[in-house]
Structure formats: C-alpha cells, structure tokens
Amino acid sequence: MRAFVVRAPRRAGVEAVPEPIPAAGEVVVDVHRAGVCGTDVELFTGEMAYLHDGHAAFPLRIGHEWAGTVSAVGEGVDRHWLGRRVTGDTMLGCGVCARCRGGRQHLCASRTELGIRGGRPGALADRVAVPAGSLLALPDRVDDVLGALVEPGGNAVRAVQGAALQPGDRALVIGPGTIGLLVAMFARAAGAEVHVAGVTERSLEFARTLGFDGVWAAGDLPDRRWDAVIDASTDPTVPAEAVRLVEPGKRVVLIGVAGSPSPLDSRELVFADVTAVGVLSASGGLQAAVDAYASGAVDPRPLVAATVPLDGVAAVLAGNRPADAGNGPKVHVAIR
C-alpha cells in the first residue's frame, strides 16, 4: 500500500509499504481523509521535541487526524466494527497503569501516539492499524471532512471545558490557527461572547468571516478584563500576557505550545487568584466534538482551505500553500 514516510528532516514522500495486519485488539481502517497538522510540520522539519528526547525517530509515518472505514478486525474485536465509518484517539496508553485505569491514557508514560510517538505508523496512508478501544463511530451526518476534524475539535472542546465558561462570559482566544478558531467556535456554542486576537492580517481577515463578536490585532485589544483567556498560539510571551488580561479569579487555558520556554511570574497567578489550565490532547473531548458536528452546533468546514492528494503532502509540509487554497488554516489530504 501507499504511505507518506519522513526519512529525515525535509526528506519525505510516498512509498510502498507492507499492508498492516491487525494485532489482537486492533482493527485496520481504510483511510478516506486526513488532516495536516502543525505537529506533522515539526516532525517533517525535525524540530519536534520527541525527535530529540527519544520518543520518536526517523523514519516516521505521520498523520493523526483522520476518518475512514474499518476493513479488518483482529482477534478479540467485535466484528460489528467491520464496515463502520470511524475516527479515533491519537493517544494510545498501555491500558494497565494507574493513569490509564483512571481515564488519563493520554498521560500514560508508556503511551504511543498515532503517527507521532513510539513508532506507531500514522494515517497518511491507504490503511492504518489502530486499537479498537480508540475508535469512535461517525454518524452519517459527520462526513469524512468533519471526521478528519474530530481530533483537533476534541482539543478545542477540552480547552473550552478548562475555561469553565458560562453563558454570557467574555472569552478571548489568542491565536487564530486551526485550534484557536475551533476553540472560538466551541466557546460560542457554549454561549460565550467570543473574541479572537492574532498577528497576521490574513489570519485575522479570515477570522472576521466566521462571525465572532470581535477580532483584534494583538496590539489593539480593548481595555478590559476577560472571563477566560485561551492561549492557542505558539508565542512564548503569550501565557504571561494572558494572566495580565484575565479577570482576577478566572481562568487562563494554555493549549498552544511554544518552541521555547514561556516566562511567567507565578506571583501574578497567586495575587490575582487565577487558575491556569494546561490541555494536552483531544482525549476526553472527541465524542463531544462528534456530537457538536452532528447536531450542527459547530461547523468547522470553513477552516479547510484546500484538499490535496497523498503525493502533495510533502509540498504542504514544506510550506507551499496550494495555489487554489482558500484563506482557512487547515489542509486536508484525500486518500481515496
């Protein structure tokens, strides 16, 4: 079968690889559509931290935002999965440690991450093998486009949950990339007044088309405090700024990851009685994302700017935006 393989930094392409065989407890999924993520870019360029701390190594088969149909099941798997349209969790814990038993498999010290960590092949391929326990069934109202947006949507769900928003609260989302805009969409669905801040004019112009209550250049924010500030950027200075912007006693949520440490004076948290919440992964938010897409409460389709074939992935990872791309931040890959 075909799979996208990263052999070394910036050396990647489609290769013929062996077909996956489902181990006990696994299924094989025929992948229909996958998303390209910032993590995929970091793995392609060699900048991803896991490549430097031993959790990942070249060659890599990337891809962790996907939708497809189950075509084979391994020993011990209920055959009702055959033919089902599905997506799945990226974070795959050992299943036996205290964290996994407590529902925190995304924090398992021995976890693999689909297409990212521990050598587990990803979904930028014709087929992928995944544990049956990681699957979510997709209803008919959640097509392949939406299915491949469930994983980033789950991250956004957890960020909004971490913000503890109430209807009418004013939320500020910093960073109008895919995750930031999804956070803004889910915060709006929760009844919040939602504002988005960013840096580049193209991203701000696109955010304005989505109907949020306010879209601001980072230096032009109104002089007010916010009931929640959610950092979905990669700027190391933003966490400290978020603490200065949030209403005392309220919440800052950190879901963006900078490439260098973020300086933050913990005294500012203490003196303002601010709660800071870190969010890692979509685990725990995936079903809520499926439900919101199925009901129409959240429609992330406008975020997809272009769809490319599998052999177009390397160019996208290298920063070459498709010529016919819209202004949205997400690129999808049509596998079949």
Protein backbone atom coordinates (compact mmCIF):
# COMPACT_ATOMS: atom_id res chain seq x y z
CA MET A 1 0.00 0.00 0.00
CA ARG A 2 0.97 3.68 -0.16
CA ALA A 3 2.13 5.63 2.87
CA PHE A 4 3.76 9.01 3.42
CA VAL A 5 7.17 8.43 5.01
CA VAL A 6 9.55 11.00 6.52
CA ARG A 7 13.07 9.58 6.19
CA ALA A 8 15.00 12.55 7.61
CA PRO A 9 14.40 16.27 8.11
CA ARG A 10 12.76 17.58 4.92
CA ARG A 11 13.26 14.23 3.14
CA ALA A 12 9.87 12.65 2.65
CA GLY A 13 7.50 11.21 0.10
CA VAL A 14 5.00 8.49 -0.74
CA GLU A 15 6.40 4.97 -0.56
CA ALA A 16 5.13 1.41 -0.99
CA VAL A 17 5.00 -0.24 2.44
CA PRO A 18 3.62 -3.56 3.73
CA GLU A 19 -0.09 -3.80 4.38
CA PRO A 20 -0.98 -3.53 8.09
CA ILE A 21 -2.18 -6.69 9.81
CA PRO A 22 -4.40 -6.14 12.84
CA ALA A 23 -2.94 -7.49 16.06
CA ALA A 24 -5.21 -8.79 18.81
CA GLY A 25 -7.48 -5.94 19.89
CA GLU A 26 -6.81 -3.90 16.75
CA VAL A 27 -8.62 -3.02 13.55
CA VAL A 28 -7.41 -1.92 10.15
CA VAL A 29 -9.03 1.21 8.75
CA ASP A 30 -9.18 2.22 5.09
CA VAL A 31 -8.33 5.91 5.43
CA HIS A 32 -10.54 8.26 3.43
CA ARG A 33 -9.30 11.65 4.56
CA ALA A 34 -6.60 13.02 6.85
CA GLY A 35 -5.57 16.43 8.08
CA VAL A 36 -2.13 18.04 8.05
CA CYS A 37 -1.24 19.45 11.48
CA GLY A 38 1.46 21.69 12.91
CA THR A 39 2.88 18.65 14.69
CA ASP A 40 3.29 16.97 11.30
CA VAL A 41 5.25 20.00 10.12
CA GLU A 42 7.56 19.81 13.14
CA LEU A 43 8.19 16.12 12.51
CA PHE A 44 8.91 16.86 8.85
CA THR A 45 11.40 19.65 9.67
CA GLY A 46 13.00 17.72 12.54
CA GLU A 47 12.07 20.34 15.14
CA MET A 48 9.61 18.19 17.10
CA ALA A 49 10.78 17.68 20.71
CA TYR A 50 10.07 13.94 20.60
CA LEU A 51 12.81 13.55 17.98
CA HIS A 52 15.31 14.95 20.47
CA ASP A 53 14.22 13.15 23.64
CA GLY A 54 13.99 9.65 22.15
CA HIS A 55 10.21 9.30 21.90
CA ALA A 56 10.32 9.42 18.09
CA ALA A 57 12.89 8.56 15.45
CA PHE A 58 13.21 8.57 11.68
CA PRO A 59 11.82 7.05 9.54
CA LEU A 60 8.34 8.24 10.52
CA ARG A 61 4.90 7.60 9.12
CA ILE A 62 2.88 10.60 10.19
CA GLY A 63 -0.82 11.56 10.33
CA HIS A 64 -3.15 11.62 13.33
CA GLU A 65 -6.29 13.49 12.16
CA TRP A 66 -8.28 11.03 10.08
CA ALA A 67 -11.54 9.39 9.10
CA GLY A 68 -12.12 6.09 7.35
CA THR A 69 -13.88 2.72 7.28
CA VAL A 70 -12.94 -0.41 9.20
CA SER A 71 -11.91 -3.13 6.76
CA ALA A 72 -10.43 -5.81 9.03
CA VAL A 73 -10.50 -6.77 12.70
CA GLY A 74 -8.02 -8.63 14.85
CA GLU A 75 -8.53 -11.32 17.45
CA GLY A 76 -10.92 -10.38 20.21
CA VAL A 77 -12.50 -7.45 18.35
CA ASP A 78 -16.27 -7.34 17.87
CA ARG A 79 -16.98 -7.83 14.17
CA HIS A 80 -19.71 -5.18 14.29
CA TRP A 81 -16.90 -2.70 13.60
CA LEU A 82 -16.47 -4.07 10.06
CA GLY A 83 -17.72 -1.54 7.53
CA ARG A 84 -18.25 1.17 10.16
CA ARG A 85 -17.13 4.72 9.47
CA VAL A 86 -14.81 5.79 12.27
CA THR A 87 -12.19 8.12 13.59
CA GLY A 88 -10.05 7.58 16.67
CA ASP A 89 -7.92 8.88 19.51
CA THR A 90 -4.29 9.74 18.89
CA MET A 91 -3.12 8.95 22.42
CA LEU A 92 -2.82 5.20 22.97
CA GLY A 93 -1.94 4.23 26.54
CA CYS A 94 -0.69 0.92 27.89
CA GLY A 95 -4.12 0.21 29.41
CA VAL A 96 -2.84 -1.14 32.72
CA CYS A 97 -1.10 1.70 34.59
CA ALA A 98 -2.91 3.89 37.14
CA ARG A 99 -3.24 6.75 34.66
CA CYS A 100 -4.85 4.55 32.03
CA ARG A 101 -7.15 2.91 34.56
CA GLY A 102 -8.16 6.38 35.75
CA GLY A 103 -9.12 7.54 32.25
CA ARG A 104 -5.92 9.50 31.68
CA GLN A 105 -4.37 7.33 28.98
CA HIS A 106 -3.21 10.48 27.19
CA LEU A 107 -0.73 10.95 30.05
CA CYS A 108 0.48 7.33 30.17
CA ALA A 109 4.27 7.29 30.42
CA SER A 110 4.38 4.32 28.06
CA ARG A 111 1.87 5.67 25.54
CA THR A 112 2.29 5.65 21.82
CA GLU A 113 0.80 8.43 19.73
CA LEU A 114 -0.54 7.61 16.28
CA GLY A 115 1.88 8.96 13.69
CA ILE A 116 3.87 10.85 16.33
CA ARG A 117 5.39 8.93 19.22
CA GLY A 118 6.67 5.43 19.86
CA GLY A 119 6.95 4.34 16.24
CA ARG A 120 3.23 3.71 15.66
CA PRO A 121 2.50 4.28 11.93
CA GLY A 122 0.13 7.14 11.18
CA ALA A 123 -2.86 7.73 8.97
CA LEU A 124 -1.31 9.46 5.95
CA ALA A 125 -1.56 6.12 4.22
CA ASP A 126 -4.04 3.92 2.40
CA ARG A 127 -4.65 1.97 5.60
CA VAL A 128 -3.76 2.22 9.28
CA ALA A 129 -3.95 -0.21 12.20
CA VAL A 130 -5.35 1.17 15.47
CA PRO A 131 -6.66 -0.30 18.74
CA ALA A 132 -10.39 -0.94 18.62
CA GLY A 133 -10.70 0.75 22.01
CA SER A 134 -9.57 4.05 20.50
CA LEU A 135 -12.35 4.16 17.88
CA LEU A 136 -15.33 6.49 17.67
CA ALA A 137 -18.16 5.69 15.28
CA LEU A 138 -19.11 8.51 12.92
CA PRO A 139 -22.82 9.10 12.27
CA ASP A 140 -23.96 9.77 8.71
CA ARG A 141 -24.22 13.50 9.44
CA VAL A 142 -20.47 13.58 10.13
CA ASP A 143 -18.89 13.05 6.72
CA ASP A 144 -15.20 12.47 6.02
CA VAL A 145 -14.36 16.19 6.09
CA LEU A 146 -15.87 16.56 9.55
CA GLY A 147 -14.50 13.19 10.66
CA ALA A 148 -10.94 14.31 9.96
CA LEU A 149 -11.62 17.42 12.06
CA VAL A 150 -12.76 15.50 15.15
CA GLU A 151 -9.26 15.19 16.62
CA PRO A 152 -8.48 18.94 16.56
CA GLY A 153 -12.07 19.56 17.61
CA GLY A 154 -11.57 17.39 20.68
CA ASN A 155 -8.62 19.55 21.69
CA ALA A 156 -10.82 22.61 21.38
CA VAL A 157 -13.59 21.01 23.43
CA ARG A 158 -11.20 20.33 26.28
CA ALA A 159 -9.85 23.89 26.16
CA VAL A 160 -13.37 25.29 26.45
CA GLN A 161 -14.14 22.88 29.28
CA GLY A 162 -10.96 24.02 31.01
CA ALA A 163 -12.10 27.63 30.74
CA ALA A 164 -15.31 26.79 32.68
CA LEU A 165 -17.28 29.28 30.59
CA GLN A 166 -20.82 30.25 31.49
CA PRO A 167 -23.35 31.71 29.01
CA GLY A 168 -22.61 35.40 28.59
CA ASP A 169 -18.98 35.18 29.71
CA ARG A 170 -16.45 37.07 27.62
CA ALA A 171 -13.72 34.82 26.24
CA LEU A 172 -10.55 35.86 24.44
CA VAL A 173 -8.82 33.31 22.21
CA ILE A 174 -5.26 34.23 21.24
CA GLY A 175 -4.02 32.54 18.07
CA PRO A 176 -6.36 32.21 15.07
CA GLY A 177 -4.97 28.95 13.72
CA THR A 178 -7.00 25.76 13.40
CA ILE A 179 -7.10 25.03 17.14
CA GLY A 180 -7.73 28.63 18.12
CA LEU A 181 -10.62 29.02 15.70
CA LEU A 182 -12.11 25.70 16.78
CA VAL A 183 -11.84 26.85 20.41
CA ALA A 184 -13.65 30.05 19.45
CA MET A 185 -16.39 28.04 17.71
CA PHE A 186 -16.93 25.73 20.67
CA ALA A 187 -16.85 28.67 23.11
CA ARG A 188 -19.52 30.39 21.04
CA ALA A 189 -21.61 27.21 21.06
CA ALA A 190 -21.32 27.27 24.87
CA GLY A 191 -22.97 30.69 24.90
CA ALA A 192 -19.91 32.87 25.44
CA GLU A 193 -19.17 36.23 23.87
CA VAL A 194 -16.09 35.29 21.84
CA HIS A 195 -13.21 37.47 20.71
CA VAL A 196 -10.15 36.36 18.75
CA ALA A 197 -6.71 38.00 18.68
CA GLY A 198 -3.83 37.35 16.32
CA VAL A 199 -0.88 38.79 14.47
CA THR A 200 -1.07 38.25 10.72
CA GLU A 201 -3.63 40.18 8.71
CA ARG A 202 -4.54 37.17 6.57
CA SER A 203 -5.48 35.09 9.61
CA LEU A 204 -7.42 37.98 11.14
CA GLU A 205 -9.23 38.66 7.89
CA PHE A 206 -10.32 35.03 7.73
CA ALA A 207 -11.38 35.01 11.39
CA ARG A 208 -13.63 38.00 10.68
CA THR A 209 -15.60 35.92 8.17
CA LEU A 210 -16.63 33.49 10.93
CA GLY A 211 -18.88 35.91 12.78
CA PHE A 212 -17.21 36.18 16.18
CA ASP A 213 -18.03 39.11 18.47
CA GLY A 214 -14.63 40.69 17.92
CA VAL A 215 -11.42 40.04 16.01
CA TRP A 216 -8.39 42.06 17.07
CA ALA A 217 -4.77 42.60 16.16
CA ALA A 218 -2.74 41.68 19.23
CA GLY A 219 -1.75 45.27 19.92
CA ASP A 220 -5.26 46.70 19.54
CA LEU A 221 -7.19 44.78 22.18
CA PRO A 222 -9.86 46.75 24.03
CA ASP A 223 -9.00 47.83 27.57
CA ARG A 224 -10.95 45.22 29.51
CA ARG A 225 -10.54 42.03 31.51
CA TRP A 226 -11.79 38.70 30.19
CA ASP A 227 -13.62 35.89 31.97
CA ALA A 228 -11.32 33.43 30.22
CA VAL A 229 -8.21 33.81 28.10
CA ILE A 230 -7.22 30.82 25.99
CA ASP A 231 -3.72 30.75 24.52
CA ALA A 232 -3.76 28.79 21.27
CA SER A 233 -0.64 30.48 19.92
CA THR A 234 2.99 29.40 19.69
CA ASP A 235 4.32 32.67 21.10
CA PRO A 236 6.27 32.15 24.35
CA THR A 237 5.28 35.61 25.62
CA VAL A 238 1.52 34.99 25.45
CA PRO A 239 0.99 32.98 28.69
CA ALA A 240 2.24 35.88 30.80
CA GLU A 241 0.12 38.30 28.79
CA ALA A 242 -2.91 36.07 29.22
CA VAL A 243 -2.55 36.26 33.01
CA ARG A 244 -2.48 40.05 32.80
CA LEU A 245 -5.61 40.09 30.61
CA VAL A 246 -7.84 37.72 32.54
CA GLU A 247 -10.32 38.86 35.19
CA PRO A 248 -8.97 38.08 38.70
CA GLY A 249 -10.36 34.83 40.00
CA LYS A 250 -11.00 33.49 36.49
CA ARG A 251 -9.13 31.12 34.17
CA VAL A 252 -6.28 31.03 31.69
CA VAL A 253 -6.12 27.95 29.45
CA LEU A 254 -2.87 27.01 27.74
CA ILE A 255 -3.25 24.78 24.69
CA GLY A 256 -0.66 26.32 22.34
CA VAL A 257 2.93 25.10 22.65
CA ALA A 258 5.83 27.46 22.02
CA GLY A 259 9.17 26.31 20.69
CA SER A 260 10.97 27.81 23.71
CA PRO A 261 10.12 28.20 27.41
CA SER A 262 7.48 30.76 28.36
CA PRO A 263 8.49 33.15 31.15
CA LEU A 264 5.64 33.51 33.64
CA ASP A 265 5.80 35.09 37.09
CA SER A 266 3.78 32.76 39.32
CA ARG A 267 3.17 35.65 41.73
CA GLU A 268 0.83 37.18 39.15
CA LEU A 269 -1.25 33.99 39.26
CA VAL A 270 -1.29 33.99 43.04
CA PHE A 271 -2.08 37.67 43.61
CA ALA A 272 -4.95 37.56 41.10
CA ASP A 273 -6.18 34.13 42.27
CA VAL A 274 -6.07 32.97 38.63
CA THR A 275 -6.44 29.32 37.68
CA ALA A 276 -4.11 28.19 34.88
CA VAL A 277 -5.16 25.04 33.00
CA GLY A 278 -2.94 23.09 30.63
CA VAL A 279 -4.53 20.97 27.92
CA LEU A 280 -2.74 18.06 26.24
CA SER A 281 -4.59 16.18 23.52
CA ALA A 282 -8.16 15.63 22.39
CA SER A 283 -8.70 12.61 24.64
CA GLY A 284 -11.87 13.15 26.61
CA GLY A 285 -13.24 15.65 24.11
CA LEU A 286 -13.62 13.52 20.99
CA GLN A 287 -17.19 12.33 21.45
CA ALA A 288 -18.35 15.85 22.30
CA ALA A 289 -16.76 17.07 19.06
CA VAL A 290 -18.55 14.36 17.06
CA ASP A 291 -21.85 15.27 18.71
CA ALA A 292 -21.41 19.01 18.07
CA TYR A 293 -20.61 18.41 14.40
CA ALA A 294 -23.53 16.01 14.01
CA SER A 295 -26.00 18.46 15.55
CA GLY A 296 -24.67 21.44 13.60
CA ALA A 297 -23.83 23.32 16.80
CA VAL A 298 -20.30 23.70 15.42
CA ASP A 299 -19.45 23.71 11.71
CA PRO A 300 -15.68 23.68 11.12
CA ARG A 301 -15.84 23.12 7.35
CA PRO A 302 -14.78 26.71 6.51
CA LEU A 303 -11.41 26.04 8.16
CA VAL A 304 -10.38 23.64 5.37
CA ALA A 305 -8.64 25.78 2.77
CA ALA A 306 -7.58 23.04 0.36
CA THR A 307 -7.55 19.30 -0.20
CA VAL A 308 -4.52 17.65 -1.80
CA PRO A 309 -3.67 14.07 -2.84
CA LEU A 310 -1.23 11.99 -0.82
CA ASP A 311 1.65 12.87 -3.13
CA GLY A 312 1.01 16.56 -2.45
CA VAL A 313 1.76 16.31 1.28
CA ALA A 314 5.50 17.00 1.11
CA ALA A 315 4.95 20.35 -0.59
CA VAL A 316 2.39 21.36 2.05
CA LEU A 317 4.73 20.39 4.89
CA ALA A 318 7.49 22.42 3.25
CA GLY A 319 5.27 25.49 3.47
CA ASN A 320 3.96 25.63 -0.09
CA ARG A 321 0.30 26.54 0.08
CA PRO A 322 -1.79 25.03 -2.75
CA ALA A 323 -2.42 27.57 -5.50
CA ASP A 324 -6.19 27.25 -5.21
CA ALA A 325 -6.29 27.34 -1.41
CA GLY A 326 -8.77 29.49 0.43
CA ASN A 327 -7.91 31.54 3.47
CA GLY A 328 -8.61 28.87 6.10
CA PRO A 329 -5.73 27.42 8.13
CA LYS A 330 -6.26 23.69 7.50
CA VAL A 331 -5.16 21.49 4.59
CA HIS A 332 -6.73 18.07 4.13
CA VAL A 333 -5.49 15.02 2.24
CA ALA A 334 -7.87 12.89 0.18
CA ILE A 335 -6.58 9.34 0.42
CA ARG A 336 -9.40 7.77 -1.61
